[in-house]
Amino acid sequence: HCSVALQFGAKTVTRLDASALSHSRSLLSMIDDILKEANVSLADLDGIAVTRGPGSFTGLRIGIAVAQGLAFGHQLPIVPVSSLAAVAYNAFVYWQAQAVEVNTVLATMDARMGEIYCGCYDVQNALPVLTGAEHVLKPEQLSQVGWPDADCLSEADKKIAIAGGGLHYLAQYPASLRNLPSQLAILPDAAALLPLAMRDFNL
């Protein structure tokens, strides 16, 4: 999927293209649409945020190339945001809406060929903060990268959950992770980049 979001003052405008068509054909028109809806121009912006990955090489190439082109033409700064951080942000929002207390999320994405992208995020000031590093690995290797072993946690500490497309491989996860709260249908999207980018822009 391809998404674009604009925050201008208190207003947020979003567009999503979930079709199978080439996003290189739709991305610029989506950007034009949200600028018109918000009645602003690129020159009015403070900066441009774009996912830096992990993810599809083609999708990342298109997004970064467009961001660079627009930023260069208007002398705007760019802030790269992790796709996994966007998954983690949406996960924290999701579980908050479900009234489930979660303070740590294992954000995952399907890396294909039996592997996942993943990163462990804590929530600080309502935003996800990466603990450790992002990884690409086989699901059964999750216990090797410092992810908390749910079997060793006290009940008070079991406020951890798993989110994202890497849950396609849940059956291959270490047994200690399989019964944690999980939600497959959490994706990175442009709206989730906005608060993360504003933190990094110090806006």
Protein backbone atom coordinates (compact mmCIF):
# COMPACT_ATOMS: atom_id res chain seq x y z
CA HIS A 1 0.00 0.00 0.00
CA CYS A 2 1.01 3.60 -0.57
CA SER A 3 -0.03 6.45 1.71
CA VAL A 4 0.54 10.17 2.05
CA ALA A 5 -0.29 12.40 5.00
CA LEU A 6 -0.05 16.13 5.66
CA GLN A 7 -0.19 17.90 8.99
CA PHE A 8 -0.73 21.62 8.76
CA GLY A 9 -1.53 23.27 12.08
CA ALA A 10 -4.18 21.15 13.76
CA LYS A 11 -5.37 19.65 10.49
CA THR A 12 -4.31 16.25 9.19
CA VAL A 13 -5.12 15.09 5.65
CA THR A 14 -4.40 11.56 4.44
CA ARG A 15 -4.60 9.53 1.24
CA LEU A 16 -4.18 5.78 0.79
CA ASP A 17 -3.74 3.75 -2.39
CA ALA A 18 -4.10 0.03 -1.69
CA SER A 19 -4.45 -0.97 -5.34
CA ALA A 20 -2.07 -3.22 -7.22
CA LEU A 21 -1.23 -0.43 -9.67
CA SER A 22 2.21 1.11 -9.70
CA HIS A 23 2.54 3.63 -6.89
CA SER A 24 4.94 5.60 -9.07
CA ARG A 25 1.87 6.60 -11.06
CA SER A 26 -0.29 7.62 -8.12
CA LEU A 27 2.07 9.09 -5.51
CA LEU A 28 2.50 12.56 -7.01
CA SER A 29 -1.24 12.95 -7.63
CA MET A 30 -1.93 11.91 -4.03
CA ILE A 31 0.51 14.55 -2.79
CA ASP A 32 -1.11 17.15 -5.01
CA ASP A 33 -4.56 16.19 -3.71
CA ILE A 34 -3.71 16.62 -0.03
CA LEU A 35 -1.95 19.93 -0.63
CA LYS A 36 -5.02 21.24 -2.42
CA GLU A 37 -7.35 19.96 0.30
CA ALA A 38 -5.30 21.71 2.98
CA ASN A 39 -4.93 24.81 0.75
CA VAL A 40 -1.15 24.90 1.14
CA SER A 41 1.84 24.65 -1.16
CA LEU A 42 5.09 22.75 -0.75
CA ALA A 43 6.81 26.06 0.03
CA ASP A 44 4.60 26.37 3.14
CA LEU A 45 5.94 23.15 4.66
CA ASP A 46 8.62 22.86 7.34
CA GLY A 47 9.88 19.55 6.02
CA ILE A 48 9.15 16.19 4.45
CA ALA A 49 9.16 12.83 6.19
CA VAL A 50 9.63 9.54 4.36
CA THR A 51 10.03 5.93 5.40
CA ARG A 52 13.61 4.76 5.17
CA GLY A 53 12.62 1.12 5.42
CA PRO A 54 12.83 -1.69 6.02
CA GLY A 55 10.50 -2.76 3.25
CA SER A 56 10.16 -3.34 -0.45
CA PHE A 57 13.15 -2.00 -2.37
CA THR A 58 10.95 -0.69 -5.17
CA GLY A 59 8.51 1.01 -2.80
CA LEU A 60 11.30 2.61 -0.79
CA ARG A 61 13.08 3.77 -3.94
CA ILE A 62 9.94 5.46 -5.24
CA GLY A 63 9.12 7.14 -1.93
CA ILE A 64 12.64 8.38 -1.23
CA ALA A 65 13.17 9.60 -4.80
CA VAL A 66 9.94 11.62 -4.72
CA ALA A 67 10.75 13.05 -1.29
CA GLN A 68 14.24 14.05 -2.43
CA GLY A 69 12.91 15.68 -5.59
CA LEU A 70 10.26 17.71 -3.78
CA ALA A 71 12.63 18.69 -0.97
CA PHE A 72 15.40 19.77 -3.32
CA GLY A 73 13.07 21.93 -5.37
CA HIS A 74 11.87 23.83 -2.30
CA GLN A 75 14.96 23.60 -0.05
CA LEU A 76 13.10 21.56 2.56
CA PRO A 77 14.72 19.27 5.13
CA ILE A 78 13.92 15.55 5.00
CA VAL A 79 13.57 13.31 8.03
CA PRO A 80 13.78 9.53 7.46
CA VAL A 81 11.52 7.45 9.70
CA SER A 82 11.72 3.70 10.26
CA SER A 83 8.85 1.64 8.86
CA LEU A 84 9.04 -0.47 12.02
CA ALA A 85 8.65 2.63 14.20
CA ALA A 86 5.48 3.43 12.25
CA VAL A 87 4.19 -0.10 12.93
CA ALA A 88 5.00 0.33 16.62
CA TYR A 89 3.22 3.69 16.77
CA ASN A 90 0.08 2.26 15.18
CA ALA A 91 0.29 -0.73 17.53
CA PHE A 92 0.38 1.45 20.65
CA VAL A 93 -2.60 3.43 19.30
CA TYR A 94 -4.48 0.20 18.53
CA TRP A 95 -4.03 -1.34 21.98
CA GLN A 96 -4.83 1.92 23.70
CA ALA A 97 -8.14 1.96 21.82
CA GLN A 98 -8.72 -1.62 22.97
CA ALA A 99 -8.06 -0.55 26.58
CA VAL A 100 -5.17 -3.05 26.74
CA GLU A 101 -2.13 -1.75 28.60
CA VAL A 102 0.96 -2.31 26.45
CA ASN A 103 4.28 -0.63 27.10
CA THR A 104 6.53 -2.66 24.78
CA VAL A 105 5.86 -3.74 21.19
CA LEU A 106 7.75 -6.12 18.97
CA ALA A 107 7.08 -4.47 15.60
CA THR A 108 7.39 -6.85 12.65
CA MET A 109 7.13 -6.87 8.88
CA ASP A 110 7.27 -9.71 6.38
CA ALA A 111 10.72 -9.70 4.76
CA ARG A 112 9.74 -12.60 2.43
CA MET A 113 11.73 -15.79 1.96
CA GLY A 114 10.77 -16.94 5.45
CA GLU A 115 12.29 -13.96 7.26
CA ILE A 116 10.94 -10.98 9.18
CA TYR A 117 12.05 -7.43 9.87
CA CYS A 118 11.65 -6.63 13.54
CA GLY A 119 12.45 -4.14 16.25
CA CYS A 120 11.53 -3.85 19.94
CA TYR A 121 9.97 -0.51 20.95
CA ASP A 122 9.09 0.97 24.32
CA VAL A 123 6.62 3.84 24.57
CA GLN A 124 7.92 7.16 25.91
CA ASN A 125 5.79 10.32 25.89
CA ALA A 126 3.23 8.44 23.77
CA LEU A 127 5.82 7.70 21.05
CA PRO A 128 7.78 4.50 20.31
CA VAL A 129 11.49 4.43 21.09
CA LEU A 130 13.68 1.65 19.68
CA THR A 131 15.47 -0.48 22.25
CA GLY A 132 18.46 -2.23 20.77
CA ALA A 133 18.60 -2.55 16.99
CA GLU A 134 16.36 -3.45 14.08
CA HIS A 135 16.90 -6.94 12.65
CA VAL A 136 16.12 -9.14 9.70
CA LEU A 137 16.06 -12.79 10.71
CA LYS A 138 14.24 -16.08 10.74
CA PRO A 139 11.26 -16.00 13.15
CA GLU A 140 12.71 -18.81 15.23
CA GLN A 141 15.78 -16.63 15.88
CA LEU A 142 13.81 -13.98 17.80
CA SER A 143 15.00 -15.32 21.15
CA GLN A 144 18.60 -14.57 20.11
CA VAL A 145 18.25 -10.78 19.81
CA GLY A 146 17.35 -9.73 23.32
CA TRP A 147 13.59 -9.89 23.02
CA PRO A 148 12.07 -10.42 26.50
CA ASP A 149 11.28 -14.07 27.21
CA ALA A 150 7.60 -13.92 28.18
CA ASP A 151 7.96 -17.08 30.27
CA CYS A 152 10.49 -15.34 32.53
CA LEU A 153 8.46 -12.16 33.12
CA SER A 154 6.30 -11.51 36.13
CA GLU A 155 2.60 -10.90 35.58
CA ALA A 156 3.17 -7.22 36.33
CA ASP A 157 5.72 -7.00 33.53
CA LYS A 158 3.68 -8.81 30.89
CA LYS A 159 2.63 -5.64 29.06
CA ILE A 160 4.27 -6.65 25.80
CA ALA A 161 2.66 -7.35 22.44
CA ILE A 162 3.53 -8.17 18.83
CA ALA A 163 2.28 -6.33 15.75
CA GLY A 164 2.66 -6.32 12.00
CA GLY A 165 3.05 -8.50 8.94
CA GLY A 166 5.78 -10.67 10.44
CA LEU A 167 2.99 -12.41 12.35
CA HIS A 168 2.35 -14.43 9.18
CA TYR A 169 5.11 -16.63 10.61
CA LEU A 170 3.77 -16.78 14.18
CA ALA A 171 3.83 -20.59 14.22
CA GLN A 172 7.63 -20.39 13.84
CA TYR A 173 8.15 -17.92 16.70
CA PRO A 174 9.72 -19.15 19.96
CA ALA A 175 7.02 -20.73 22.10
CA SER A 176 7.36 -18.02 24.77
CA LEU A 177 6.11 -15.38 22.30
CA ARG A 178 3.17 -17.14 20.68
CA ASN A 179 0.59 -16.35 23.36
CA LEU A 180 1.34 -12.65 23.68
CA PRO A 181 -1.30 -10.15 22.47
CA SER A 182 -0.79 -9.81 18.73
CA GLN A 183 -2.33 -8.03 15.76
CA LEU A 184 -1.36 -8.90 12.21
CA ALA A 185 -3.26 -6.12 10.43
CA ILE A 186 -1.09 -3.23 11.67
CA LEU A 187 0.86 -1.58 8.88
CA PRO A 188 3.22 1.37 8.61
CA ASP A 189 1.44 4.35 7.07
CA ALA A 190 2.14 7.99 6.43
CA ALA A 191 -0.13 9.23 9.22
CA ALA A 192 2.02 7.36 11.74
CA LEU A 193 5.12 9.11 10.37
CA LEU A 194 3.80 12.56 11.31
CA PRO A 195 4.25 12.46 15.11
CA LEU A 196 7.54 10.60 14.75
CA ALA A 197 8.84 13.12 12.22
CA MET A 198 7.70 16.08 14.33
CA ARG A 199 9.63 14.67 17.29
CA ASP A 200 12.77 14.44 15.14
CA PHE A 201 12.15 17.86 13.57
CA ASN A 202 11.61 19.28 17.09
CA LEU A 203 8.45 20.99 15.84
